[in-house]
Amino acid sequence: MNKIQLEEDTCKEFERIATEYKIYLEGNILKVIEPLGYDEFNEYIALAKKNDNINRKKRLEVTKQVQAQNKELQEKQNKNQTLMEDLQEAIEKDKQANASMEEQNSELKETHQKNEALMSELKDALSEAENAKTTAQNDLDVIQKKTQFELIGNIVSYALYVIVGTGLITTALYVMAIIKGSPETTLIGSTWSNLFGILLTNSFSIIGTIMGVKYASKDESSNANK
């Protein structure tokens, strides 16, 4: 390897710079520098090499520290990346779960609305059934009352017909006996009087019974409506 020879003034300038500023030559150039006729410069070169070794060790240590820090940072970055991926996956799962819950809530809401509509229809149907039942009961009561009134009227009419007919027949017989001067006129008169009294009594009894049944039916209808 060819050596680089330096003039004595140049060597002294390097020594001055080292003395004043603590700056020395560094690196591979120290291996090829050779002072020209100035042996004192060898001490400078030796000290410069020593400083260069120390600086190299420091730089190597710093480089190792930087590499170790870079490795640690890379590991942390990898962990952070893994955590981010896990977090992203958890977020996606949470989104899916929320979407599923929203869908279930929508289905439950729709089912609830259908149930409410069905309950409303059932209530309407029940109300219509109650109204129909009430109407039917009212119609039945009207029919029953009408039938009872018709039956009562028929009974009263028949009773009056019987009473009037019997009275007319008995009266006609009594009048005929009087006109013919029958000796049994007194007996026929007594019989006519008794029979007429019995007919009146029975007619009033029948009418009273019918009226009692009528009012009893009204009371039962009133209690049923209450």
Protein backbone atom coordinates (compact mmCIF):
# COMPACT_ATOMS: atom_id res chain seq x y z
CA MET A 1 0.00 0.00 0.00
CA ASN A 2 1.44 3.36 -0.98
CA LYS A 3 1.95 5.82 1.86
CA ILE A 4 0.93 9.44 1.75
CA GLN A 5 3.79 11.67 2.78
CA LEU A 6 2.98 14.99 4.41
CA GLU A 7 5.12 18.06 4.74
CA GLU A 8 6.29 19.06 8.22
CA ASP A 9 4.19 22.24 8.13
CA THR A 10 1.10 20.19 7.33
CA CYS A 11 1.82 17.82 10.18
CA LYS A 12 2.28 20.70 12.58
CA GLU A 13 -1.02 22.20 11.38
CA PHE A 14 -2.81 18.94 12.21
CA GLU A 15 -1.18 18.96 15.64
CA ARG A 16 -2.31 22.52 16.23
CA ILE A 17 -5.85 21.72 15.29
CA ALA A 18 -5.79 18.74 17.63
CA THR A 19 -4.40 20.83 20.44
CA GLU A 20 -6.82 23.73 20.02
CA TYR A 21 -9.97 22.01 18.85
CA LYS A 22 -9.47 18.39 19.91
CA ILE A 23 -10.04 17.30 16.33
CA TYR A 24 -8.05 14.38 14.94
CA LEU A 25 -7.92 12.55 11.68
CA GLU A 26 -10.14 9.49 11.59
CA GLY A 27 -10.71 6.44 9.47
CA ASN A 28 -8.54 4.46 7.04
CA ILE A 29 -6.57 7.52 6.04
CA LEU A 30 -4.52 7.06 9.22
CA LYS A 31 -3.14 3.84 7.76
CA VAL A 32 -1.60 5.53 4.72
CA ILE A 33 -0.29 8.82 6.17
CA GLU A 34 3.45 9.04 6.62
CA PRO A 35 5.12 12.27 7.75
CA LEU A 36 7.95 13.55 5.64
CA GLY A 37 11.04 14.21 7.81
CA TYR A 38 8.92 14.85 10.93
CA ASP A 39 8.98 11.92 13.30
CA GLU A 40 7.10 13.73 16.10
CA PHE A 41 3.96 13.41 14.01
CA ASN A 42 3.95 9.67 14.81
CA GLU A 43 2.63 10.48 18.29
CA TYR A 44 -0.22 12.41 16.69
CA ILE A 45 -0.96 9.47 14.40
CA ALA A 46 -0.87 7.02 17.34
CA LEU A 47 -3.20 9.21 19.40
CA ALA A 48 -5.45 9.72 16.39
CA LYS A 49 -5.65 5.95 15.84
CA LYS A 50 -6.36 5.46 19.52
CA ASN A 51 -9.16 8.06 19.36
CA ASP A 52 -10.37 6.51 16.14
CA ASN A 53 -10.60 3.08 17.81
CA ILE A 54 -12.43 4.58 20.72
CA ASN A 55 -14.80 6.42 18.39
CA ARG A 56 -15.27 3.28 16.33
CA LYS A 57 -16.18 1.34 19.46
CA LYS A 58 -18.55 4.11 20.48
CA ARG A 59 -20.12 4.18 17.02
CA LEU A 60 -20.31 0.38 17.06
CA GLU A 61 -21.97 0.49 20.46
CA VAL A 62 -24.35 3.20 19.28
CA THR A 63 -25.01 1.14 16.15
CA LYS A 64 -25.74 -1.92 18.26
CA GLN A 65 -28.03 0.14 20.49
CA VAL A 66 -29.76 1.59 17.47
CA GLN A 67 -30.14 -1.88 15.96
CA ALA A 68 -31.46 -3.23 19.26
CA GLN A 69 -33.88 -0.30 19.49
CA ASN A 70 -34.86 -0.81 15.87
CA LYS A 71 -35.44 -4.49 16.55
CA GLU A 72 -37.50 -3.66 19.63
CA LEU A 73 -39.41 -1.04 17.67
CA GLN A 74 -40.00 -3.57 14.90
CA GLU A 75 -41.27 -6.13 17.42
CA LYS A 76 -43.53 -3.50 18.96
CA GLN A 77 -44.68 -2.51 15.51
CA ASN A 78 -45.45 -6.17 14.74
CA LYS A 79 -47.34 -6.48 18.01
CA ASN A 80 -49.19 -3.26 17.28
CA GLN A 81 -49.99 -4.56 13.84
CA THR A 82 -51.30 -7.79 15.34
CA LEU A 83 -53.32 -5.80 17.89
CA MET A 84 -54.70 -3.59 15.13
CA GLU A 85 -55.70 -6.66 13.13
CA ASP A 86 -57.33 -8.19 16.21
CA LEU A 87 -59.04 -4.88 16.93
CA GLN A 88 -60.26 -4.62 13.35
CA GLU A 89 -61.53 -8.18 13.51
CA ALA A 90 -63.28 -7.42 16.81
CA ILE A 91 -64.83 -4.30 15.26
CA GLU A 92 -66.08 -6.34 12.29
CA LYS A 93 -67.53 -8.96 14.63
CA ASP A 94 -69.16 -6.21 16.68
CA LYS A 95 -70.63 -4.71 13.51
CA GLN A 96 -71.97 -8.11 12.48
CA ALA A 97 -73.38 -8.65 15.98
CA ASN A 98 -75.02 -5.20 15.91
CA ALA A 99 -76.45 -5.91 12.46
CA SER A 100 -77.78 -9.26 13.69
CA MET A 101 -79.27 -7.60 16.79
CA GLU A 102 -80.87 -4.88 14.66
CA GLU A 103 -82.32 -7.55 12.40
CA GLN A 104 -83.66 -9.49 15.38
CA ASN A 105 -85.07 -6.28 16.89
CA SER A 106 -86.73 -5.51 13.56
CA GLU A 107 -88.23 -9.01 13.45
CA LEU A 108 -89.39 -8.71 17.06
CA LYS A 109 -90.90 -5.31 16.35
CA GLU A 110 -92.67 -6.67 13.28
CA THR A 111 -93.92 -9.67 15.27
CA HIS A 112 -95.10 -7.33 18.06
CA GLN A 113 -96.96 -5.19 15.54
CA LYS A 114 -98.57 -8.29 14.04
CA ASN A 115 -99.58 -9.47 17.52
CA GLU A 116 -101.04 -6.05 18.30
CA ALA A 117 -102.98 -6.12 15.02
CA LEU A 118 -104.19 -9.64 15.81
CA MET A 119 -105.21 -8.61 19.33
CA SER A 120 -107.05 -5.61 17.89
CA GLU A 121 -108.85 -7.90 15.45
CA LEU A 122 -109.70 -10.31 18.27
CA LYS A 123 -111.03 -7.44 20.38
CA ASP A 124 -113.11 -6.22 17.46
CA ALA A 125 -114.38 -9.75 16.83
CA LEU A 126 -115.18 -10.17 20.54
CA SER A 127 -116.95 -6.82 20.58
CA GLU A 128 -118.94 -7.79 17.50
CA ALA A 129 -119.77 -11.12 19.12
CA GLU A 130 -120.91 -9.37 22.30
CA ASN A 131 -122.99 -6.93 20.25
CA ALA A 132 -124.46 -9.81 18.26
CA LYS A 133 -125.21 -11.67 21.50
CA THR A 134 -126.85 -8.57 22.99
CA THR A 135 -128.83 -8.03 19.81
CA ALA A 136 -129.90 -11.66 19.74
CA GLN A 137 -130.91 -11.51 23.40
CA ASN A 138 -132.84 -8.30 22.80
CA ASP A 139 -134.51 -9.82 19.74
CA LEU A 140 -135.30 -12.95 21.75
CA ASP A 141 -136.75 -10.86 24.56
CA VAL A 142 -138.83 -8.91 22.08
CA ILE A 143 -140.04 -12.12 20.47
CA GLN A 144 -140.76 -13.66 23.87
CA LYS A 145 -142.60 -10.55 25.03
CA LYS A 146 -144.48 -10.37 21.77
CA THR A 147 -145.39 -14.06 22.07
CA GLN A 148 -146.39 -13.59 25.69
CA PHE A 149 -148.47 -10.55 24.81
CA GLU A 150 -150.11 -12.43 21.96
CA LEU A 151 -150.71 -15.46 24.21
CA ILE A 152 -152.10 -13.25 26.97
CA GLY A 153 -154.30 -11.48 24.47
CA ASN A 154 -155.53 -14.77 23.07
CA ILE A 155 -156.22 -16.16 26.55
CA VAL A 156 -158.02 -13.02 27.58
CA SER A 157 -160.00 -13.03 24.35
CA TYR A 158 -160.93 -16.70 24.68
CA ALA A 159 -161.83 -16.21 28.36
CA LEU A 160 -164.03 -13.25 27.48
CA TYR A 161 -165.60 -15.18 24.65
CA VAL A 162 -166.36 -18.08 26.98
CA ILE A 163 -167.67 -15.79 29.74
CA VAL A 164 -169.76 -13.70 27.37
CA GLY A 165 -171.00 -16.80 25.51
CA THR A 166 -171.89 -18.62 28.69
CA GLY A 167 -173.56 -15.51 30.08
CA LEU A 168 -175.55 -14.98 26.89
CA ILE A 169 -176.63 -18.59 26.72
CA THR A 170 -177.60 -18.69 30.41
CA THR A 171 -179.36 -15.34 30.14
CA ALA A 172 -181.23 -16.49 27.02
CA LEU A 173 -182.42 -19.64 28.80
CA TYR A 174 -183.51 -17.61 31.82
CA VAL A 175 -185.39 -15.12 29.62
CA MET A 176 -187.09 -17.93 27.72
CA ALA A 177 -188.15 -19.57 30.99
CA ILE A 178 -189.63 -16.28 32.17
CA ILE A 179 -191.47 -15.72 28.90
CA LYS A 180 -192.96 -19.23 28.86
CA GLY A 181 -193.88 -18.96 32.54
CA SER A 182 -192.06 -22.11 33.47
CA PRO A 183 -192.44 -23.22 37.07
CA GLU A 184 -188.65 -23.68 37.15
CA THR A 185 -187.97 -19.97 36.62
CA THR A 186 -186.88 -19.48 40.19
CA LEU A 187 -184.47 -22.40 39.99
CA ILE A 188 -183.13 -21.24 36.63
CA GLY A 189 -182.70 -17.70 37.99
CA SER A 190 -180.80 -18.97 40.99
CA THR A 191 -178.67 -21.17 38.76
CA TRP A 192 -178.08 -18.25 36.38
CA SER A 193 -177.03 -15.99 39.24
CA ASN A 194 -174.65 -18.58 40.68
CA LEU A 195 -173.16 -19.44 37.30
CA PHE A 196 -172.74 -15.79 36.36
CA GLY A 197 -170.94 -15.16 39.67
CA ILE A 198 -168.66 -18.16 39.10
CA LEU A 199 -167.85 -16.92 35.56
CA LEU A 200 -167.03 -13.45 36.82
CA THR A 201 -164.89 -14.85 39.61
CA ASN A 202 -163.00 -17.15 37.24
CA SER A 203 -162.53 -14.39 34.65
CA PHE A 204 -161.03 -12.03 37.24
CA SER A 205 -158.86 -14.87 38.53
CA ILE A 206 -157.60 -15.61 35.02
CA ILE A 207 -156.93 -11.94 34.30
CA GLY A 208 -155.11 -11.52 37.66
CA THR A 209 -152.94 -14.57 36.99
CA ILE A 210 -152.07 -13.34 33.50
CA MET A 211 -151.16 -9.86 34.77
CA GLY A 212 -149.01 -11.40 37.52
CA VAL A 213 -147.15 -13.46 34.94
CA LYS A 214 -146.73 -10.34 32.79
CA TYR A 215 -145.20 -8.24 35.60
CA ALA A 216 -143.03 -11.14 36.74
CA SER A 217 -141.65 -11.41 33.20
CA LYS A 218 -140.88 -7.67 33.21
CA ASP A 219 -139.04 -7.96 36.52
CA GLU A 220 -136.96 -10.89 35.24
CA SER A 221 -136.06 -8.95 32.07
CA SER A 222 -135.01 -5.90 34.13
CA ASN A 223 -132.81 -8.02 36.42
CA ALA A 224 -131.23 -9.75 33.43
CA ASN A 225 -130.40 -6.40 31.79
CA LYS A 226 -128.77 -5.18 35.01
